[in-house]
């Protein structure tokens, strides 16, 4: 079971579904590290998740505000990796989040 935990220890209300990982290929000549995992998830659009994400509605996104926050992904209670969650949009039922590990 997968969980998303922010730097303050708050856990997103997520159904725990595992998801496929996509790794970026890096050239041995590249000097800077890039994020090596990306995925898009949908979480319930409820008060708990909005509070953790400091998200108050789609007008924040349309105004150009970058909704990015640091999270640690745990799988089965074990640390998997750390990265950033960026809100892509929402409807009355779900918030769509793009997650990238690393930078």
PDB file of N, CA and C in Angstrom:
ATOM      1  N   UNK A   1       0.840  -1.174   0.000  1.00  0.00           N
ATOM      2  CA  UNK A   1       0.000   0.000   0.000  1.00  0.00           C
ATOM      3  C   UNK A   1       0.888   1.240   0.000  1.00  0.00           C
ATOM      4  N   UNK A   2       0.579   2.185  -0.854  1.00  0.00           N
ATOM      5  CA  UNK A   2       1.365   3.402  -1.019  1.00  0.00           C
ATOM      6  C   UNK A   2       0.735   4.548  -0.228  1.00  0.00           C
ATOM      7  N   UNK A   3       1.588   5.369   0.401  1.00  0.00           N
ATOM      8  CA  UNK A   3       1.097   6.553   1.099  1.00  0.00           C
ATOM      9  C   UNK A   3       2.015   7.738   0.811  1.00  0.00           C
ATOM     10  N   UNK A   4       1.431   8.935   0.860  1.00  0.00           N
ATOM     11  CA  UNK A   4       2.147  10.192   0.635  1.00  0.00           C
ATOM     12  C   UNK A   4       2.145  10.967   1.942  1.00  0.00           C
ATOM     13  N   UNK A   5       3.334  11.271   2.475  1.00  0.00           N
ATOM     14  CA  UNK A   5       3.457  11.946   3.765  1.00  0.00           C
ATOM     15  C   UNK A   5       4.264  13.225   3.570  1.00  0.00           C
ATOM     16  N   UNK A   6       3.712  14.360   4.041  1.00  0.00           N
ATOM     17  CA  UNK A   6       4.433  15.626   3.878  1.00  0.00           C
ATOM     18  C   UNK A   6       5.511  15.766   4.952  1.00  0.00           C
ATOM     19  N   UNK A   7       6.255  16.870   4.913  1.00  0.00           N
ATOM     20  CA  UNK A   7       7.376  17.079   5.829  1.00  0.00           C
ATOM     21  C   UNK A   7       6.940  17.239   7.280  1.00  0.00           C
ATOM     22  N   UNK A   8       5.652  17.537   7.513  1.00  0.00           N
ATOM     23  CA  UNK A   8       5.135  17.672   8.877  1.00  0.00           C
ATOM     24  C   UNK A   8       4.522  16.378   9.395  1.00  0.00           C
ATOM     25  N   UNK A   9       4.585  15.305   8.595  1.00  0.00           N
ATOM     26  CA  UNK A   9       4.044  14.018   9.018  1.00  0.00           C
ATOM     27  C   UNK A   9       2.581  13.803   8.679  1.00  0.00           C
ATOM     28  N   UNK A  10       1.975  14.733   7.934  1.00  0.00           N
ATOM     29  CA  UNK A  10       0.574  14.590   7.530  1.00  0.00           C
ATOM     30  C   UNK A  10       0.470  13.679   6.313  1.00  0.00           C
ATOM     31  N   UNK A  11      -0.475  12.766   6.346  1.00  0.00           N
ATOM     32  CA  UNK A  11      -0.653  11.810   5.256  1.00  0.00           C
ATOM     33  C   UNK A  11      -1.864  12.171   4.414  1.00  0.00           C
ATOM     34  N   UNK A  12      -1.663  12.211   3.100  1.00  0.00           N
ATOM     35  CA  UNK A  12      -2.782  12.473   2.195  1.00  0.00           C
ATOM     36  C   UNK A  12      -3.790  11.335   2.262  1.00  0.00           C
ATOM     37  N   UNK A  13      -5.050  11.676   2.085  1.00  0.00           N
ATOM     38  CA  UNK A  13      -6.112  10.690   1.966  1.00  0.00           C
ATOM     39  C   UNK A  13      -6.017  10.126   0.549  1.00  0.00           C
ATOM     40  N   UNK A  14      -5.367   8.980   0.423  1.00  0.00           N
ATOM     41  CA  UNK A  14      -5.114   8.332  -0.865  1.00  0.00           C
ATOM     42  C   UNK A  14      -5.503   6.874  -0.712  1.00  0.00           C
ATOM     43  N   UNK A  15      -6.066   6.291  -1.761  1.00  0.00           N
ATOM     44  CA  UNK A  15      -6.579   4.918  -1.641  1.00  0.00           C
ATOM     45  C   UNK A  15      -5.487   3.861  -1.540  1.00  0.00           C
ATOM     46  N   UNK A  16      -4.218   4.259  -1.657  1.00  0.00           N
ATOM     47  CA  UNK A  16      -3.122   3.328  -1.463  1.00  0.00           C
ATOM     48  C   UNK A  16      -2.775   2.469  -2.653  1.00  0.00           C
ATOM     49  N   UNK A  17      -3.456   2.707  -3.795  1.00  0.00           N
ATOM     50  CA  UNK A  17      -3.149   1.923  -4.995  1.00  0.00           C
ATOM     51  C   UNK A  17      -1.688   2.107  -5.381  1.00  0.00           C
ATOM     52  N   UNK A  18      -1.012   1.005  -5.671  1.00  0.00           N
ATOM     53  CA  UNK A  18       0.344   1.091  -6.192  1.00  0.00           C
ATOM     54  C   UNK A  18       0.263   1.592  -7.629  1.00  0.00           C
ATOM     55  N   UNK A  19       1.340   2.210  -8.097  1.00  0.00           N
ATOM     56  CA  UNK A  19       1.354   2.735  -9.451  1.00  0.00           C
ATOM     57  C   UNK A  19       2.675   2.388 -10.109  1.00  0.00           C
ATOM     58  N   UNK A  20       2.678   2.400 -11.425  1.00  0.00           N
ATOM     59  CA  UNK A  20       3.895   2.084 -12.176  1.00  0.00           C
ATOM     60  C   UNK A  20       4.880   3.225 -12.128  1.00  0.00           C
ATOM     61  N   UNK A  21       6.149   2.909 -12.077  1.00  0.00           N
ATOM     62  CA  UNK A  21       7.196   3.914 -12.053  1.00  0.00           C
ATOM     63  C   UNK A  21       7.768   4.089 -13.452  1.00  0.00           C
ATOM     64  N   UNK A  22       8.047   5.339 -13.798  1.00  0.00           N
ATOM     65  CA  UNK A  22       8.704   5.665 -15.065  1.00  0.00           C
ATOM     66  C   UNK A  22      10.040   6.300 -14.735  1.00  0.00           C
ATOM     67  N   UNK A  23      11.118   5.674 -15.129  1.00  0.00           N
ATOM     68  CA  UNK A  23      12.453   6.219 -14.869  1.00  0.00           C
ATOM     69  C   UNK A  23      12.914   7.023 -16.070  1.00  0.00           C
ATOM     70  N   UNK A  24      13.591   8.162 -15.799  1.00  0.00           N
ATOM     71  CA  UNK A  24      14.179   8.951 -16.871  1.00  0.00           C
ATOM     72  C   UNK A  24      15.566   8.407 -17.177  1.00  0.00           C
ATOM     73  N   UNK A  25      15.904   8.333 -18.434  1.00  0.00           N
ATOM     74  CA  UNK A  25      17.254   7.907 -18.819  1.00  0.00           C
ATOM     75  C   UNK A  25      18.195   9.100 -18.706  1.00  0.00           C
ATOM     76  N   UNK A  26      19.338   8.893 -18.089  1.00  0.00           N
ATOM     77  CA  UNK A  26      20.321   9.963 -17.936  1.00  0.00           C
ATOM     78  C   UNK A  26      21.596   9.582 -18.664  1.00  0.00           C
ATOM     79  N   UNK A  27      22.153  10.547 -19.342  1.00  0.00           N
ATOM     80  CA  UNK A  27      23.430  10.343 -19.997  1.00  0.00           C
ATOM     81  C   UNK A  27      24.531  10.372 -18.940  1.00  0.00           C
ATOM     82  N   UNK A  28      25.573   9.549 -19.103  1.00  0.00           N
ATOM     83  CA  UNK A  28      26.685   9.582 -18.142  1.00  0.00           C
ATOM     84  C   UNK A  28      27.442  10.895 -18.235  1.00  0.00           C
ATOM     85  N   UNK A  29      27.171  11.672 -19.283  1.00  0.00           N
ATOM     86  CA  UNK A  29      27.851  12.953 -19.443  1.00  0.00           C
ATOM     87  C   UNK A  29      27.098  14.098 -18.762  1.00  0.00           C
ATOM     88  N   UNK A  30      25.871  13.830 -18.315  1.00  0.00           N
ATOM     89  CA  UNK A  30      25.123  14.881 -17.638  1.00  0.00           C
ATOM     90  C   UNK A  30      25.644  15.043 -16.222  1.00  0.00           C
ATOM     91  N   UNK A  31      25.812  16.275 -15.803  1.00  0.00           N
ATOM     92  CA  UNK A  31      26.374  16.523 -14.485  1.00  0.00           C
ATOM     93  C   UNK A  31      25.314  16.758 -13.422  1.00  0.00           C
ATOM     94  N   UNK A  32      24.137  17.173 -13.811  1.00  0.00           N
ATOM     95  CA  UNK A  32      23.138  17.438 -12.781  1.00  0.00           C
ATOM     96  C   UNK A  32      22.138  16.289 -12.707  1.00  0.00           C
ATOM     97  N   UNK A  33      21.702  16.016 -11.509  1.00  0.00           N
ATOM     98  CA  UNK A  33      20.740  14.935 -11.265  1.00  0.00           C
ATOM     99  C   UNK A  33      19.344  15.451 -11.588  1.00  0.00           C
ATOM    100  N   UNK A  34      18.589  14.654 -12.291  1.00  0.00           N
ATOM    101  CA  UNK A  34      17.203  15.006 -12.588  1.00  0.00           C
ATOM    102  C   UNK A  34      16.286  14.101 -11.789  1.00  0.00           C
ATOM    103  N   UNK A  35      15.032  14.504 -11.657  1.00  0.00           N
ATOM    104  CA  UNK A  35      14.063  13.629 -11.021  1.00  0.00           C
ATOM    105  C   UNK A  35      13.997  12.321 -11.776  1.00  0.00           C
ATOM    106  N   UNK A  36      13.921  11.208 -11.052  1.00  0.00           N
ATOM    107  CA  UNK A  36      13.987   9.936 -11.747  1.00  0.00           C
ATOM    108  C   UNK A  36      12.692   9.140 -11.692  1.00  0.00           C
ATOM    109  N   UNK A  37      11.626   9.737 -11.193  1.00  0.00           N
ATOM    110  CA  UNK A  37      10.353   9.043 -11.131  1.00  0.00           C
ATOM    111  C   UNK A  37       9.238  10.061 -11.294  1.00  0.00           C
ATOM    112  N   UNK A  38       8.278   9.779 -12.157  1.00  0.00           N
ATOM    113  CA  UNK A  38       7.122  10.652 -12.301  1.00  0.00           C
ATOM    114  C   UNK A  38       5.862   9.813 -12.403  1.00  0.00           C
ATOM    115  N   UNK A  39       4.779  10.355 -11.883  1.00  0.00           N
ATOM    116  CA  UNK A  39       3.476   9.709 -12.009  1.00  0.00           C
ATOM    117  C   UNK A  39       2.399  10.760 -11.784  1.00  0.00           C
ATOM    118  N   UNK A  40       1.222  10.496 -12.265  1.00  0.00           N
ATOM    119  CA  UNK A  40       0.061  11.342 -11.995  1.00  0.00           C
ATOM    120  C   UNK A  40      -0.918  10.516 -11.174  1.00  0.00           C
ATOM    121  N   UNK A  41      -1.405  11.092 -10.081  1.00  0.00           N
ATOM    122  CA  UNK A  41      -2.388  10.406  -9.243  1.00  0.00           C
ATOM    123  C   UNK A  41      -3.586  11.313  -9.047  1.00  0.00           C
ATOM    124  N   UNK A  42      -4.706  10.720  -8.716  1.00  0.00           N
ATOM    125  CA  UNK A  42      -5.906  11.462  -8.350  1.00  0.00           C
ATOM    126  C   UNK A  42      -6.251  11.110  -6.913  1.00  0.00           C
ATOM    127  N   UNK A  43      -6.460  12.140  -6.108  1.00  0.00           N
ATOM    128  CA  UNK A  43      -6.836  11.940  -4.710  1.00  0.00           C
ATOM    129  C   UNK A  43      -8.196  12.585  -4.479  1.00  0.00           C
ATOM    130  N   UNK A  44      -8.908  12.159  -3.439  1.00  0.00           N
ATOM    131  CA  UNK A  44     -10.213  12.762  -3.158  1.00  0.00           C
ATOM    132  C   UNK A  44     -10.097  14.265  -2.894  1.00  0.00           C
ATOM    133  N   UNK A  45     -11.029  15.024  -3.437  1.00  0.00           N
ATOM    134  CA  UNK A  45     -11.092  16.463  -3.199  1.00  0.00           C
ATOM    135  C   UNK A  45     -11.910  16.669  -1.924  1.00  0.00           C
ATOM    136  N   UNK A  46     -11.221  16.497  -0.781  1.00  0.00           N
ATOM    137  CA  UNK A  46     -11.895  16.677   0.509  1.00  0.00           C
ATOM    138  C   UNK A  46     -11.126  17.679   1.364  1.00  0.00           C
ATOM    139  N   UNK A  47     -11.706  18.083   2.475  1.00  0.00           N
ATOM    140  CA  UNK A  47     -11.111  19.119   3.323  1.00  0.00           C
ATOM    141  C   UNK A  47      -9.731  18.706   3.841  1.00  0.00           C
ATOM    142  N   UNK A  48      -9.570  17.443   4.190  1.00  0.00           N
ATOM    143  CA  UNK A  48      -8.288  16.954   4.705  1.00  0.00           C
ATOM    144  C   UNK A  48      -7.174  17.150   3.673  1.00  0.00           C
ATOM    145  N   UNK A  49      -7.383  16.695   2.451  1.00  0.00           N
ATOM    146  CA  UNK A  49      -6.361  16.825   1.403  1.00  0.00           C
ATOM    147  C   UNK A  49      -6.116  18.278   1.030  1.00  0.00           C
ATOM    148  N   UNK A  50      -7.181  19.080   0.930  1.00  0.00           N
ATOM    149  CA  UNK A  50      -7.000  20.497   0.587  1.00  0.00           C
ATOM    150  C   UNK A  50      -6.179  21.214   1.654  1.00  0.00           C
ATOM    151  N   UNK A  51      -6.381  20.874   2.921  1.00  0.00           N
ATOM    152  CA  UNK A  51      -5.624  21.511   3.999  1.00  0.00           C
ATOM    153  C   UNK A  51      -4.138  21.144   3.915  1.00  0.00           C
ATOM    154  N   UNK A  52      -3.822  19.868   3.721  1.00  0.00           N
ATOM    155  CA  UNK A  52      -2.425  19.439   3.626  1.00  0.00           C
ATOM    156  C   UNK A  52      -1.738  20.098   2.435  1.00  0.00           C
ATOM    157  N   UNK A  53      -2.452  20.214   1.322  1.00  0.00           N
ATOM    158  CA  UNK A  53      -1.880  20.786   0.101  1.00  0.00           C
ATOM    159  C   UNK A  53      -1.963  22.313   0.050  1.00  0.00           C
ATOM    160  N   UNK A  54      -2.625  22.930   1.045  1.00  0.00           N
ATOM    161  CA  UNK A  54      -2.878  24.381   1.017  1.00  0.00           C
ATOM    162  C   UNK A  54      -3.546  24.775  -0.295  1.00  0.00           C
ATOM    163  N   UNK A  55      -4.524  23.996  -0.662  1.00  0.00           N
ATOM    164  CA  UNK A  55      -5.217  24.172  -1.937  1.00  0.00           C
ATOM    165  C   UNK A  55      -6.659  24.590  -1.670  1.00  0.00           C
ATOM    166  N   UNK A  56      -7.058  25.688  -2.274  1.00  0.00           N
ATOM    167  CA  UNK A  56      -8.399  26.217  -2.006  1.00  0.00           C
ATOM    168  C   UNK A  56      -9.250  26.346  -3.255  1.00  0.00           C
ATOM    169  N   UNK A  57      -8.818  25.718  -4.338  1.00  0.00           N
ATOM    170  CA  UNK A  57      -9.642  25.714  -5.535  1.00  0.00           C
ATOM    171  C   UNK A  57      -8.878  25.997  -6.802  1.00  0.00           C
ATOM    172  N   UNK A  58      -9.538  25.708  -7.915  1.00  0.00           N
ATOM    173  CA  UNK A  58      -8.885  25.821  -9.221  1.00  0.00           C
ATOM    174  C   UNK A  58      -8.488  27.246  -9.569  1.00  0.00           C
ATOM    175  N   UNK A  59      -9.067  28.246  -8.909  1.00  0.00           N
ATOM    176  CA  UNK A  59      -8.679  29.629  -9.204  1.00  0.00           C
ATOM    177  C   UNK A  59      -7.216  29.881  -8.846  1.00  0.00           C
ATOM    178  N   UNK A  60      -6.650  29.123  -7.904  1.00  0.00           N
ATOM    179  CA  UNK A  60      -5.229  29.257  -7.591  1.00  0.00           C
ATOM    180  C   UNK A  60      -4.376  28.857  -8.787  1.00  0.00           C
ATOM    181  N   UNK A  61      -4.764  27.795  -9.465  1.00  0.00           N
ATOM    182  CA  UNK A  61      -4.004  27.325 -10.627  1.00  0.00           C
ATOM    183  C   UNK A  61      -4.167  28.290 -11.790  1.00  0.00           C
ATOM    184  N   UNK A  62      -5.401  28.732 -12.045  1.00  0.00           N
ATOM    185  CA  UNK A  62      -5.636  29.633 -13.175  1.00  0.00           C
ATOM    186  C   UNK A  62      -4.981  30.993 -12.964  1.00  0.00           C
ATOM    187  N   UNK A  63      -4.711  31.360 -11.693  1.00  0.00           N
ATOM    188  CA  UNK A  63      -4.037  32.634 -11.430  1.00  0.00           C
ATOM    189  C   UNK A  63      -2.528  32.515 -11.597  1.00  0.00           C
ATOM    190  N   UNK A  64      -2.040  31.297 -11.889  1.00  0.00           N
ATOM    191  CA  UNK A  64      -0.618  31.104 -12.117  1.00  0.00           C
ATOM    192  C   UNK A  64       0.156  30.704 -10.872  1.00  0.00           C
ATOM    193  N   UNK A  65      -0.528  30.504  -9.757  1.00  0.00           N
ATOM    194  CA  UNK A  65       0.155  30.101  -8.533  1.00  0.00           C
ATOM    195  C   UNK A  65       0.632  28.657  -8.671  1.00  0.00           C
ATOM    196  N   UNK A  66       1.918  28.435  -8.445  1.00  0.00           N
ATOM    197  CA  UNK A  66       2.468  27.085  -8.530  1.00  0.00           C
ATOM    198  C   UNK A  66       2.186  26.357  -7.227  1.00  0.00           C
ATOM    199  N   UNK A  67       1.430  25.302  -7.314  1.00  0.00           N
ATOM    200  CA  UNK A  67       1.051  24.534  -6.138  1.00  0.00           C
ATOM    201  C   UNK A  67       1.977  23.331  -6.035  1.00  0.00           C
ATOM    202  N   UNK A  68       3.135  23.526  -5.409  1.00  0.00           N
ATOM    203  CA  UNK A  68       4.153  22.473  -5.314  1.00  0.00           C
ATOM    204  C   UNK A  68       4.478  22.254  -3.845  1.00  0.00           C
ATOM    205  N   UNK A  69       4.557  20.985  -3.448  1.00  0.00           N
ATOM    206  CA  UNK A  69       4.832  20.661  -2.065  1.00  0.00           C
ATOM    207  C   UNK A  69       5.646  19.379  -1.972  1.00  0.00           C
ATOM    208  N   UNK A  70       6.499  19.304  -0.968  1.00  0.00           N
ATOM    209  CA  UNK A  70       7.374  18.151  -0.790  1.00  0.00           C
ATOM    210  C   UNK A  70       6.650  17.014  -0.064  1.00  0.00           C
ATOM    211  N   UNK A  71       6.826  15.778  -0.578  1.00  0.00           N
ATOM    212  CA  UNK A  71       6.237  14.588   0.035  1.00  0.00           C
ATOM    213  C   UNK A  71       7.234  13.436  -0.008  1.00  0.00           C
ATOM    214  N   UNK A  72       7.063  12.531   0.937  1.00  0.00           N
ATOM    215  CA  UNK A  72       7.784  11.268   0.941  1.00  0.00           C
ATOM    216  C   UNK A  72       6.784  10.184   0.592  1.00  0.00           C
ATOM    217  N   UNK A  73       7.171   9.297  -0.300  1.00  0.00           N
ATOM    218  CA  UNK A  73       6.308   8.158  -0.629  1.00  0.00           C
ATOM    219  C   UNK A  73       6.789   6.956   0.175  1.00  0.00           C
ATOM    220  N   UNK A  74       5.852   6.335   0.863  1.00  0.00           N
ATOM    221  CA  UNK A  74       6.106   5.102   1.597  1.00  0.00           C
ATOM    222  C   UNK A  74       5.321   3.996   0.938  1.00  0.00           C
ATOM    223  N   UNK A  75       5.920   2.831   0.863  1.00  0.00           N
ATOM    224  CA  UNK A  75       5.208   1.657   0.362  1.00  0.00           C
ATOM    225  C   UNK A  75       5.327   0.566   1.404  1.00  0.00           C
ATOM    226  N   UNK A  76       4.190   0.096   1.879  1.00  0.00           N
ATOM    227  CA  UNK A  76       4.174  -0.936   2.909  1.00  0.00           C
ATOM    228  C   UNK A  76       4.824  -0.480   4.201  1.00  0.00           C
ATOM    229  N   UNK A  77       4.771   0.822   4.483  1.00  0.00           N
ATOM    230  CA  UNK A  77       5.371   1.362   5.694  1.00  0.00           C
ATOM    231  C   UNK A  77       6.854   1.650   5.600  1.00  0.00           C
ATOM    232  N   UNK A  78       7.460   1.404   4.457  1.00  0.00           N
ATOM    233  CA  UNK A  78       8.886   1.638   4.261  1.00  0.00           C
ATOM    234  C   UNK A  78       9.113   2.840   3.345  1.00  0.00           C
ATOM    235  N   UNK A  79      10.142   3.638   3.681  1.00  0.00           N
ATOM    236  CA  UNK A  79      10.507   4.788   2.864  1.00  0.00           C
ATOM    237  C   UNK A  79      10.845   4.319   1.459  1.00  0.00           C
ATOM    238  N   UNK A  80      10.266   4.981   0.457  1.00  0.00           N
ATOM    239  CA  UNK A  80      10.550   4.646  -0.930  1.00  0.00           C
ATOM    240  C   UNK A  80      11.377   5.756  -1.565  1.00  0.00           C
ATOM    241  N   UNK A  81      10.852   6.988  -1.599  1.00  0.00           N
ATOM    242  CA  UNK A  81      11.624   8.129  -2.047  1.00  0.00           C
ATOM    243  C   UNK A  81      10.894   9.423  -1.725  1.00  0.00           C
ATOM    244  N   UNK A  82      11.602  10.536  -1.918  1.00  0.00           N
ATOM    245  CA  UNK A  82      11.080  11.869  -1.644  1.00  0.00           C
ATOM    246  C   UNK A  82      10.977  12.625  -2.961  1.00  0.00           C
ATOM    247  N   UNK A  83       9.993  13.508  -3.045  1.00  0.00           N
ATOM    248  CA  UNK A  83       9.823  14.295  -4.247  1.00  0.00           C
ATOM    249  C   UNK A  83       8.828  15.415  -4.043  1.00  0.00           C
ATOM    250  N   UNK A  84       8.346  15.957  -5.138  1.00  0.00           N
ATOM    251  CA  UNK A  84       7.420  17.083  -5.100  1.00  0.00           C
ATOM    252  C   UNK A  84       6.113  16.737  -5.781  1.00  0.00           C
ATOM    253  N   UNK A  85       5.039  17.200  -5.184  1.00  0.00           N
ATOM    254  CA  UNK A  85       3.706  17.048  -5.755  1.00  0.00           C
ATOM    255  C   UNK A  85       3.275  18.408  -6.295  1.00  0.00           C
ATOM    256  N   UNK A  86       2.820  18.419  -7.548  1.00  0.00           N
ATOM    257  CA  UNK A  86       2.351  19.648  -8.184  1.00  0.00           C
ATOM    258  C   UNK A  86       0.893  19.437  -8.580  1.00  0.00           C
ATOM    259  N   UNK A  87       0.022  20.301  -8.100  1.00  0.00           N
ATOM    260  CA  UNK A  87      -1.396  20.188  -8.425  1.00  0.00           C
ATOM    261  C   UNK A  87      -1.610  20.614  -9.869  1.00  0.00           C
ATOM    262  N   UNK A  88      -2.262  19.733 -10.630  1.00  0.00           N
ATOM    263  CA  UNK A  88      -2.538  19.999 -12.040  1.00  0.00           C
ATOM    264  C   UNK A  88      -3.940  20.545 -12.261  1.00  0.00           C
ATOM    265  N   UNK A  89      -4.869  20.186 -11.394  1.00  0.00           N
ATOM    266  CA  UNK A  89      -6.245  20.628 -11.547  1.00  0.00           C
ATOM    267  C   UNK A  89      -7.148  19.866 -10.594  1.00  0.00           C
ATOM    268  N   UNK A  90      -8.428  20.175 -10.649  1.00  0.00           N
ATOM    269  CA  UNK A  90      -9.370  19.499  -9.771  1.00  0.00           C
ATOM    270  C   UNK A  90     -10.781  19.613 -10.327  1.00  0.00           C
ATOM    271  N   UNK A  91     -11.627  18.742  -9.826  1.00  0.00           N
ATOM    272  CA  UNK A  91     -13.058  18.855 -10.041  1.00  0.00           C
ATOM    273  C   UNK A  91     -13.713  18.635  -8.673  1.00  0.00           C
ATOM    274  N   UNK A  92     -15.017  18.518  -8.620  1.00  0.00           N
ATOM    275  CA  UNK A  92     -15.666  18.422  -7.312  1.00  0.00           C
ATOM    276  C   UNK A  92     -15.321  17.141  -6.569  1.00  0.00           C
ATOM    277  N   UNK A  93     -14.849  16.110  -7.286  1.00  0.00           N
ATOM    278  CA  UNK A  93     -14.559  14.824  -6.662  1.00  0.00           C
ATOM    279  C   UNK A  93     -13.076  14.560  -6.422  1.00  0.00           C
ATOM    280  N   UNK A  94     -12.202  15.055  -7.309  1.00  0.00           N
ATOM    281  CA  UNK A  94     -10.790  14.688  -7.249  1.00  0.00           C
ATOM    282  C   UNK A  94      -9.853  15.867  -7.471  1.00  0.00           C
ATOM    283  N   UNK A  95      -8.652  15.730  -6.916  1.00  0.00           N
ATOM    284  CA  UNK A  95      -7.550  16.647  -7.186  1.00  0.00           C
ATOM    285  C   UNK A  95      -6.512  15.839  -7.952  1.00  0.00           C
ATOM    286  N   UNK A  96      -6.081  16.351  -9.111  1.00  0.00           N
ATOM    287  CA  UNK A  96      -5.070  15.671  -9.913  1.00  0.00           C
ATOM    288  C   UNK A  96      -3.697  16.205  -9.544  1.00  0.00           C
ATOM    289  N   UNK A  97      -2.779  15.291  -9.216  1.00  0.00           N
ATOM    290  CA  UNK A  97      -1.442  15.657  -8.775  1.00  0.00           C
ATOM    291  C   UNK A  97      -0.409  14.987  -9.663  1.00  0.00           C
ATOM    292  N   UNK A  98       0.575  15.772 -10.077  1.00  0.00           N
ATOM    293  CA  UNK A  98       1.731  15.249 -10.808  1.00  0.00           C
ATOM    294  C   UNK A  98       2.865  15.163  -9.785  1.00  0.00           C
ATOM    295  N   UNK A  99       3.461  13.980  -9.620  1.00  0.00           N
ATOM    296  CA  UNK A  99       4.512  13.772  -8.635  1.00  0.00           C
ATOM    297  C   UNK A  99       5.818  13.469  -9.351  1.00  0.00           C
ATOM    298  N   UNK A 100       6.887  14.154  -8.939  1.00  0.00           N
ATOM    299  CA  UNK A 100       8.214  13.903  -9.501  1.00  0.00           C
ATOM    300  C   UNK A 100       9.210  13.789  -8.350  1.00  0.00           C
ATOM    301  N   UNK A 101      10.046  12.764  -8.393  1.00  0.00           N
ATOM    302  CA  UNK A 101      11.054  12.619  -7.351  1.00  0.00           C
ATOM    303  C   UNK A 101      12.280  13.451  -7.692  1.00  0.00           C
ATOM    304  N   UNK A 102      13.137  13.639  -6.736  1.00  0.00           N
ATOM    305  CA  UNK A 102      14.373  14.381  -6.972  1.00  0.00           C
ATOM    306  C   UNK A 102      14.153  15.866  -6.919  1.00  0.00           C
ATOM    307  N   UNK A 103      14.812  16.589  -7.845  1.00  0.00           N
ATOM    308  CA  UNK A 103      14.794  18.057  -7.838  1.00  0.00           C
ATOM    309  C   UNK A 103      13.437  18.630  -8.150  1.00  0.00           C
TER     310      UNK A 103
END
